[in-house]
Amino acid sequence: MSRLESRLFPWHEDPEFFVAAVSFTAKETTFSTRLVEKDYFCTVLLEYLTTLGNALVFKGGEAFMIFAKASVNGYNSHHE
């Protein structure tokens, strides 16, 4: 993905800033740094996919259902 293709989320292009931002976010939210970084790059990917037009259709709910089931069972999955 070129710099032009990622306009909203360019923070990963500055490695020092990115590491600091991920660490800060993880500390503030109590999410693991791996999860914060994964979510960031999923967002970057989704941003890129929106540039491809209306050819993609997203069906949702599966990830939420997995999280909901884990939460009901007493496991808080965001603490990896």
Protein backbone atom coordinates (compact mmCIF):
# COMPACT_ATOMS: atom_id res chain seq x y z
CA MET A 1 0.00 0.00 0.00
CA SER A 2 1.51 3.32 -1.00
CA ARG A 3 1.42 6.47 1.08
CA LEU A 4 -1.26 7.87 -1.22
CA GLU A 5 -3.50 4.87 -0.62
CA SER A 6 -3.41 5.23 3.17
CA ARG A 7 -4.43 8.78 3.98
CA LEU A 8 -6.32 8.36 7.23
CA PHE A 9 -3.95 6.03 9.05
CA PRO A 10 -0.29 6.78 8.20
CA TRP A 11 1.08 6.35 11.74
CA HIS A 12 2.84 3.05 10.99
CA GLU A 13 5.13 4.88 8.58
CA ASP A 14 6.92 6.37 11.61
CA PRO A 15 8.07 3.27 13.55
CA GLU A 16 9.12 5.14 16.70
CA PHE A 17 5.81 7.00 16.93
CA PHE A 18 3.84 3.87 16.10
CA VAL A 19 5.44 1.81 18.88
CA ALA A 20 4.79 4.63 21.36
CA ALA A 21 1.16 5.00 20.20
CA VAL A 22 0.47 1.27 20.44
CA SER A 23 2.06 1.10 23.90
CA PHE A 24 0.09 4.11 25.10
CA THR A 25 -3.19 2.73 23.75
CA ALA A 26 -2.54 -0.68 25.27
CA LYS A 27 -1.82 0.88 28.66
CA GLU A 28 -4.88 3.14 28.58
CA THR A 29 -7.28 0.41 27.43
CA THR A 30 -5.65 -2.59 29.14
CA PHE A 31 -5.74 -4.41 25.79
CA SER A 32 -2.59 -6.29 24.83
CA THR A 33 -0.18 -4.51 22.49
CA ARG A 34 -0.62 -7.36 19.99
CA LEU A 35 -4.37 -6.75 19.90
CA VAL A 36 -3.99 -2.97 19.52
CA GLU A 37 -1.54 -3.44 16.65
CA LYS A 38 -3.74 -6.06 14.96
CA ASP A 39 -6.79 -3.82 15.20
CA TYR A 40 -4.83 -0.90 13.77
CA PHE A 41 -3.69 -2.89 10.74
CA CYS A 42 -7.19 -4.33 10.24
CA THR A 43 -8.43 -0.75 10.11
CA VAL A 44 -5.71 0.19 7.59
CA LEU A 45 -6.69 -2.82 5.46
CA LEU A 46 -10.39 -1.93 5.60
CA GLU A 47 -9.55 1.65 4.68
CA TYR A 48 -7.67 0.37 1.63
CA LEU A 49 -10.47 -2.00 0.64
CA THR A 50 -12.95 0.89 0.58
CA THR A 51 -10.92 2.39 -2.26
CA LEU A 52 -11.75 -0.63 -4.43
CA GLY A 53 -15.35 0.43 -4.90
CA ASN A 54 -18.59 -1.29 -4.05
CA ALA A 55 -17.51 -4.76 -5.13
CA LEU A 56 -17.10 -6.00 -1.54
CA VAL A 57 -19.86 -6.89 0.87
CA PHE A 58 -19.06 -7.48 4.51
CA LYS A 59 -21.22 -9.74 6.60
CA GLY A 60 -20.68 -9.24 10.28
CA GLY A 61 -21.27 -10.72 13.63
CA GLU A 62 -18.96 -13.72 13.83
CA ALA A 63 -16.16 -12.01 15.74
CA PHE A 64 -18.67 -10.34 18.04
CA MET A 65 -20.34 -13.67 18.75
CA ILE A 66 -17.01 -15.29 19.62
CA PHE A 67 -16.22 -12.42 21.99
CA ALA A 68 -19.70 -12.53 23.52
CA LYS A 69 -19.47 -16.28 24.13
CA ALA A 70 -16.02 -15.88 25.69
CA SER A 71 -17.25 -13.07 27.93
CA VAL A 72 -20.24 -15.10 29.08
CA ASN A 73 -17.92 -17.96 29.96
CA GLY A 74 -15.85 -15.65 32.16
CA TYR A 75 -12.92 -15.21 29.80
CA ASN A 76 -12.08 -11.68 28.83
CA SER A 77 -10.45 -12.36 25.44
CA HIS A 78 -8.87 -8.93 24.98
CA HIS A 79 -6.27 -9.76 27.63
CA GLU A 80 -4.06 -12.11 25.62
